[in-house]
Structures are given as structure tokens and as C-alpha cells.
Amino acid sequence: MFQILYQIFFRKTNSQEYVDHSKKSCRTCGKKIKAEFSFCPYCGSKQDKQTHNDKEK
């Protein structure tokens, strides 16, 4: 019973999902990496500096 009530009242909708601004996608391979990384640890591609406007997209 508790699980049903929890799902009804606390379920997140798509508009409420948490957006993690500490991560970004690599511009070359697309894997999630930390926003402050200058190079992708997976493919080694150099990453551009991310501006505040890029994070909002």
C-alpha cells in the first residue's frame, strides 16, 4: 500500500527530472564525462570550454 501511495505522490514527471550540470557529453564519442574535463577519458578527444549557455540547452 505504501509503495502505491509513494509512486502516486512522489513520482517525477519528465519536466521535474534532475538535470546534472556536473556532467557533459563528449563532443566526439558522446559518453558522459565530468564538465570540468579538458580531454575525454574514453577517446582522448580535446573538449571545448563549456559556457553557461551550453549548460542550459
PDB file of N, CA and C in Angstrom:
ATOM      1  N   MET A   1       0.826  -1.185   0.000  1.00  0.00           N
ATOM      2  CA  MET A   1       0.000   0.000   0.000  1.00  0.00           C
ATOM      3  C   MET A   1       0.879   1.260   0.000  1.00  0.00           C
ATOM      4  N   PHE A   2       1.905   1.273   0.844  1.00  0.00           N
ATOM      5  CA  PHE A   2       2.788   2.435   0.925  1.00  0.00           C
ATOM      6  C   PHE A   2       3.461   2.710  -0.408  1.00  0.00           C
ATOM      7  N   GLN A   3       3.920   1.649  -1.111  1.00  0.00           N
ATOM      8  CA  GLN A   3       4.602   1.824  -2.392  1.00  0.00           C
ATOM      9  C   GLN A   3       3.685   2.470  -3.424  1.00  0.00           C
ATOM     10  N   ILE A   4       2.424   2.095  -3.428  1.00  0.00           N
ATOM     11  CA  ILE A   4       1.467   2.665  -4.374  1.00  0.00           C
ATOM     12  C   ILE A   4       1.280   4.152  -4.092  1.00  0.00           C
ATOM     13  N   LEU A   5       1.102   4.517  -2.820  1.00  0.00           N
ATOM     14  CA  LEU A   5       0.942   5.931  -2.460  1.00  0.00           C
ATOM     15  C   LEU A   5       2.202   6.724  -2.790  1.00  0.00           C
ATOM     16  N   TYR A   6       3.356   6.149  -2.530  1.00  0.00           N
ATOM     17  CA  TYR A   6       4.619   6.816  -2.820  1.00  0.00           C
ATOM     18  C   TYR A   6       4.729   7.108  -4.318  1.00  0.00           C
ATOM     19  N   GLN A   7       4.412   6.115  -5.148  1.00  0.00           N
ATOM     20  CA  GLN A   7       4.504   6.296  -6.593  1.00  0.00           C
ATOM     21  C   GLN A   7       3.537   7.361  -7.083  1.00  0.00           C
ATOM     22  N   ILE A   8       2.363   7.434  -6.500  1.00  0.00           N
ATOM     23  CA  ILE A   8       1.364   8.412  -6.923  1.00  0.00           C
ATOM     24  C   ILE A   8       1.801   9.827  -6.561  1.00  0.00           C
ATOM     25  N   PHE A   9       2.286  10.024  -5.335  1.00  0.00           N
ATOM     26  CA  PHE A   9       2.577  11.367  -4.843  1.00  0.00           C
ATOM     27  C   PHE A   9       3.991  11.862  -5.106  1.00  0.00           C
ATOM     28  N   PHE A  10       4.947  10.965  -5.261  1.00  0.00           N
ATOM     29  CA  PHE A  10       6.337  11.389  -5.371  1.00  0.00           C
ATOM     30  C   PHE A  10       6.990  11.036  -6.699  1.00  0.00           C
ATOM     31  N   ARG A  11       6.249  10.505  -7.629  1.00  0.00           N
ATOM     32  CA  ARG A  11       6.812  10.159  -8.934  1.00  0.00           C
ATOM     33  C   ARG A  11       7.150  11.435  -9.696  1.00  0.00           C
ATOM     34  N   LYS A  12       8.334  11.463 -10.270  1.00  0.00           N
ATOM     35  CA  LYS A  12       8.772  12.629 -11.039  1.00  0.00           C
ATOM     36  C   LYS A  12       8.222  12.524 -12.452  1.00  0.00           C
ATOM     37  N   THR A  13       7.823  13.639 -12.988  1.00  0.00           N
ATOM     38  CA  THR A  13       7.444  13.694 -14.386  1.00  0.00           C
ATOM     39  C   THR A  13       8.656  14.130 -15.184  1.00  0.00           C
ATOM     40  N   ASN A  14       8.571  14.075 -16.492  1.00  0.00           N
ATOM     41  CA  ASN A  14       9.702  14.458 -17.332  1.00  0.00           C
ATOM     42  C   ASN A  14      10.146  15.888 -17.068  1.00  0.00           C
ATOM     43  N   SER A  15       9.231  16.784 -16.777  1.00  0.00           N
ATOM     44  CA  SER A  15       9.600  18.177 -16.543  1.00  0.00           C
ATOM     45  C   SER A  15      10.275  18.380 -15.194  1.00  0.00           C
ATOM     46  N   GLN A  16      10.169  17.403 -14.298  1.00  0.00           N
ATOM     47  CA  GLN A  16      10.756  17.535 -12.963  1.00  0.00           C
ATOM     48  C   GLN A  16      12.059  16.759 -12.817  1.00  0.00           C
ATOM     49  N   GLU A  17      12.498  16.078 -13.863  1.00  0.00           N
ATOM     50  CA  GLU A  17      13.694  15.259 -13.736  1.00  0.00           C
ATOM     51  C   GLU A  17      14.906  16.125 -13.420  1.00  0.00           C
ATOM     52  N   TYR A  18      15.791  15.582 -12.612  1.00  0.00           N
ATOM     53  CA  TYR A  18      17.004  16.276 -12.195  1.00  0.00           C
ATOM     54  C   TYR A  18      17.977  16.361 -13.362  1.00  0.00           C
ATOM     55  N   VAL A  19      18.486  17.542 -13.623  1.00  0.00           N
ATOM     56  CA  VAL A  19      19.479  17.745 -14.664  1.00  0.00           C
ATOM     57  C   VAL A  19      20.830  17.922 -13.984  1.00  0.00           C
ATOM     58  N   ASP A  20      21.763  17.062 -14.330  1.00  0.00           N
ATOM     59  CA  ASP A  20      23.084  17.083 -13.709  1.00  0.00           C
ATOM     60  C   ASP A  20      24.021  17.958 -14.541  1.00  0.00           C
ATOM     61  N   HIS A  21      24.293  19.183 -14.071  1.00  0.00           N
ATOM     62  CA  HIS A  21      25.163  20.099 -14.793  1.00  0.00           C
ATOM     63  C   HIS A  21      26.637  19.823 -14.530  1.00  0.00           C
ATOM     64  N   SER A  22      26.947  18.826 -13.685  1.00  0.00           N
ATOM     65  CA  SER A  22      28.342  18.492 -13.445  1.00  0.00           C
ATOM     66  C   SER A  22      28.872  17.530 -14.508  1.00  0.00           C
ATOM     67  N   LYS A  23      27.999  17.098 -15.419  1.00  0.00           N
ATOM     68  CA  LYS A  23      28.393  16.183 -16.495  1.00  0.00           C
ATOM     69  C   LYS A  23      28.059  16.808 -17.837  1.00  0.00           C
ATOM     70  N   LYS A  24      28.786  16.375 -18.851  1.00  0.00           N
ATOM     71  CA  LYS A  24      28.506  16.773 -20.224  1.00  0.00           C
ATOM     72  C   LYS A  24      28.809  15.577 -21.107  1.00  0.00           C
ATOM     73  N   SER A  25      28.406  15.645 -22.337  1.00  0.00           N
ATOM     74  CA  SER A  25      28.695  14.588 -23.296  1.00  0.00           C
ATOM     75  C   SER A  25      29.941  14.959 -24.083  1.00  0.00           C
ATOM     76  N   CYS A  26      30.790  13.969 -24.316  1.00  0.00           N
ATOM     77  CA  CYS A  26      31.978  14.181 -25.136  1.00  0.00           C
ATOM     78  C   CYS A  26      31.523  14.570 -26.539  1.00  0.00           C
ATOM     79  N   ARG A  27      32.186  15.560 -27.120  1.00  0.00           N
ATOM     80  CA  ARG A  27      31.819  16.047 -28.456  1.00  0.00           C
ATOM     81  C   ARG A  27      32.161  15.029 -29.544  1.00  0.00           C
ATOM     82  N   THR A  28      33.043  14.061 -29.254  1.00  0.00           N
ATOM     83  CA  THR A  28      33.447  13.079 -30.254  1.00  0.00           C
ATOM     84  C   THR A  28      32.737  11.738 -30.085  1.00  0.00           C
ATOM     85  N   CYS A  29      32.841  11.141 -28.879  1.00  0.00           N
ATOM     86  CA  CYS A  29      32.278   9.795 -28.689  1.00  0.00           C
ATOM     87  C   CYS A  29      30.903   9.806 -28.034  1.00  0.00           C
ATOM     88  N   GLY A  30      30.510  10.934 -27.422  1.00  0.00           N
ATOM     89  CA  GLY A  30      29.176  11.049 -26.847  1.00  0.00           C
ATOM     90  C   GLY A  30      29.011  10.498 -25.444  1.00  0.00           C
ATOM     91  N   LYS A  31      30.060   9.942 -24.853  1.00  0.00           N
ATOM     92  CA  LYS A  31      29.938   9.409 -23.497  1.00  0.00           C
ATOM     93  C   LYS A  31      29.880  10.540 -22.482  1.00  0.00           C
ATOM     94  N   LYS A  32      29.220  10.292 -21.352  1.00  0.00           N
ATOM     95  CA  LYS A  32      29.102  11.285 -20.283  1.00  0.00           C
ATOM     96  C   LYS A  32      30.431  11.394 -19.545  1.00  0.00           C
ATOM     97  N   ILE A  33      30.905  12.633 -19.410  1.00  0.00           N
ATOM     98  CA  ILE A  33      32.149  12.914 -18.688  1.00  0.00           C
ATOM     99  C   ILE A  33      31.913  14.108 -17.780  1.00  0.00           C
ATOM    100  N   LYS A  34      32.814  14.311 -16.835  1.00  0.00           N
ATOM    101  CA  LYS A  34      32.689  15.462 -15.942  1.00  0.00           C
ATOM    102  C   LYS A  34      32.853  16.744 -16.749  1.00  0.00           C
ATOM    103  N   ALA A  35      32.071  17.755 -16.392  1.00  0.00           N
ATOM    104  CA  ALA A  35      32.055  19.017 -17.134  1.00  0.00           C
ATOM    105  C   ALA A  35      33.408  19.722 -17.122  1.00  0.00           C
ATOM    106  N   GLU A  36      34.190  19.520 -16.077  1.00  0.00           N
ATOM    107  CA  GLU A  36      35.471  20.230 -15.992  1.00  0.00           C
ATOM    108  C   GLU A  36      36.601  19.538 -16.754  1.00  0.00           C
ATOM    109  N   PHE A  37      36.372  18.353 -17.325  1.00  0.00           N
ATOM    110  CA  PHE A  37      37.417  17.649 -18.064  1.00  0.00           C
ATOM    111  C   PHE A  37      37.763  18.403 -19.344  1.00  0.00           C
ATOM    112  N   SER A  38      39.069  18.530 -19.623  1.00  0.00           N
ATOM    113  CA  SER A  38      39.539  19.147 -20.865  1.00  0.00           C
ATOM    114  C   SER A  38      39.687  18.112 -21.968  1.00  0.00           C
ATOM    115  N   PHE A  39      39.879  16.841 -21.570  1.00  0.00           N
ATOM    116  CA  PHE A  39      40.012  15.742 -22.514  1.00  0.00           C
ATOM    117  C   PHE A  39      39.085  14.608 -22.075  1.00  0.00           C
ATOM    118  N   CYS A  40      38.526  13.892 -23.043  1.00  0.00           N
ATOM    119  CA  CYS A  40      37.659  12.754 -22.744  1.00  0.00           C
ATOM    120  C   CYS A  40      38.516  11.581 -22.288  1.00  0.00           C
ATOM    121  N   PRO A  41      38.206  10.965 -21.136  1.00  0.00           N
ATOM    122  CA  PRO A  41      38.990   9.824 -20.671  1.00  0.00           C
ATOM    123  C   PRO A  41      38.741   8.559 -21.494  1.00  0.00           C
ATOM    124  N   TYR A  42      37.708   8.550 -22.308  1.00  0.00           N
ATOM    125  CA  TYR A  42      37.374   7.373 -23.110  1.00  0.00           C
ATOM    126  C   TYR A  42      38.044   7.393 -24.482  1.00  0.00           C
ATOM    127  N   CYS A  43      37.965   8.530 -25.188  1.00  0.00           N
ATOM    128  CA  CYS A  43      38.516   8.589 -26.551  1.00  0.00           C
ATOM    129  C   CYS A  43      39.707   9.537 -26.679  1.00  0.00           C
ATOM    130  N   GLY A  44      39.955  10.364 -25.651  1.00  0.00           N
ATOM    131  CA  GLY A  44      41.097  11.273 -25.657  1.00  0.00           C
ATOM    132  C   GLY A  44      40.870  12.571 -26.409  1.00  0.00           C
ATOM    133  N   SER A  45      39.657  12.798 -26.870  1.00  0.00           N
ATOM    134  CA  SER A  45      39.346  14.000 -27.636  1.00  0.00           C
ATOM    135  C   SER A  45      39.391  15.244 -26.757  1.00  0.00           C
ATOM    136  N   LYS A  46      39.989  16.337 -27.294  1.00  0.00           N
ATOM    137  CA  LYS A  46      40.024  17.605 -26.577  1.00  0.00           C
ATOM    138  C   LYS A  46      38.611  18.181 -26.533  1.00  0.00           C
ATOM    139  N   GLN A  47      38.218  18.680 -25.376  1.00  0.00           N
ATOM    140  CA  GLN A  47      36.884  19.230 -25.183  1.00  0.00           C
ATOM    141  C   GLN A  47      36.937  20.745 -25.172  1.00  0.00           C
ATOM    142  N   ASP A  48      35.950  21.380 -25.773  1.00  0.00           N
ATOM    143  CA  ASP A  48      35.838  22.834 -25.739  1.00  0.00           C
ATOM    144  C   ASP A  48      35.387  23.264 -24.357  1.00  0.00           C
ATOM    145  N   LYS A  49      35.736  24.474 -23.988  1.00  0.00           N
ATOM    146  CA  LYS A  49      35.219  25.039 -22.741  1.00  0.00           C
ATOM    147  C   LYS A  49      33.724  25.190 -22.874  1.00  0.00           C
ATOM    148  N   GLN A  50      32.987  24.758 -21.856  1.00  0.00           N
ATOM    149  CA  GLN A  50      31.529  24.847 -21.898  1.00  0.00           C
ATOM    150  C   GLN A  50      31.090  26.150 -21.261  1.00  0.00           C
ATOM    151  N   THR A  51      30.294  26.925 -21.979  1.00  0.00           N
ATOM    152  CA  THR A  51      29.802  28.186 -21.442  1.00  0.00           C
ATOM    153  C   THR A  51      28.509  27.943 -20.684  1.00  0.00           C
ATOM    154  N   HIS A  52      28.067  28.955 -19.953  1.00  0.00           N
ATOM    155  CA  HIS A  52      26.828  28.856 -19.186  1.00  0.00           C
ATOM    156  C   HIS A  52      25.645  28.582 -20.112  1.00  0.00           C
ATOM    157  N   ASN A  53      25.635  29.168 -21.300  1.00  0.00           N
ATOM    158  CA  ASN A  53      24.541  28.952 -22.242  1.00  0.00           C
ATOM    159  C   ASN A  53      24.485  27.513 -22.730  1.00  0.00           C
ATOM    160  N   ASP A  54      25.635  26.851 -22.894  1.00  0.00           N
ATOM    161  CA  ASP A  54      25.663  25.457 -23.322  1.00  0.00           C
ATOM    162  C   ASP A  54      25.027  24.558 -22.275  1.00  0.00           C
ATOM    163  N   LYS A  55      25.217  24.862 -21.011  1.00  0.00           N
ATOM    164  CA  LYS A  55      24.685  24.032 -19.944  1.00  0.00           C
ATOM    165  C   LYS A  55      23.162  24.059 -19.896  1.00  0.00           C
ATOM    166  N   GLU A  56      22.563  25.170 -20.319  1.00  0.00           N
ATOM    167  CA  GLU A  56      21.119  25.300 -20.247  1.00  0.00           C
ATOM    168  C   GLU A  56      20.399  24.555 -21.347  1.00  0.00           C
ATOM    169  N   LYS A  57      21.089  24.191 -22.414  1.00  0.00           N
ATOM    170  CA  LYS A  57      20.466  23.517 -23.556  1.00  0.00           C
ATOM    171  C   LYS A  57      20.160  22.086 -23.229  1.00  0.00           C
TER     172      LYS A  57
END
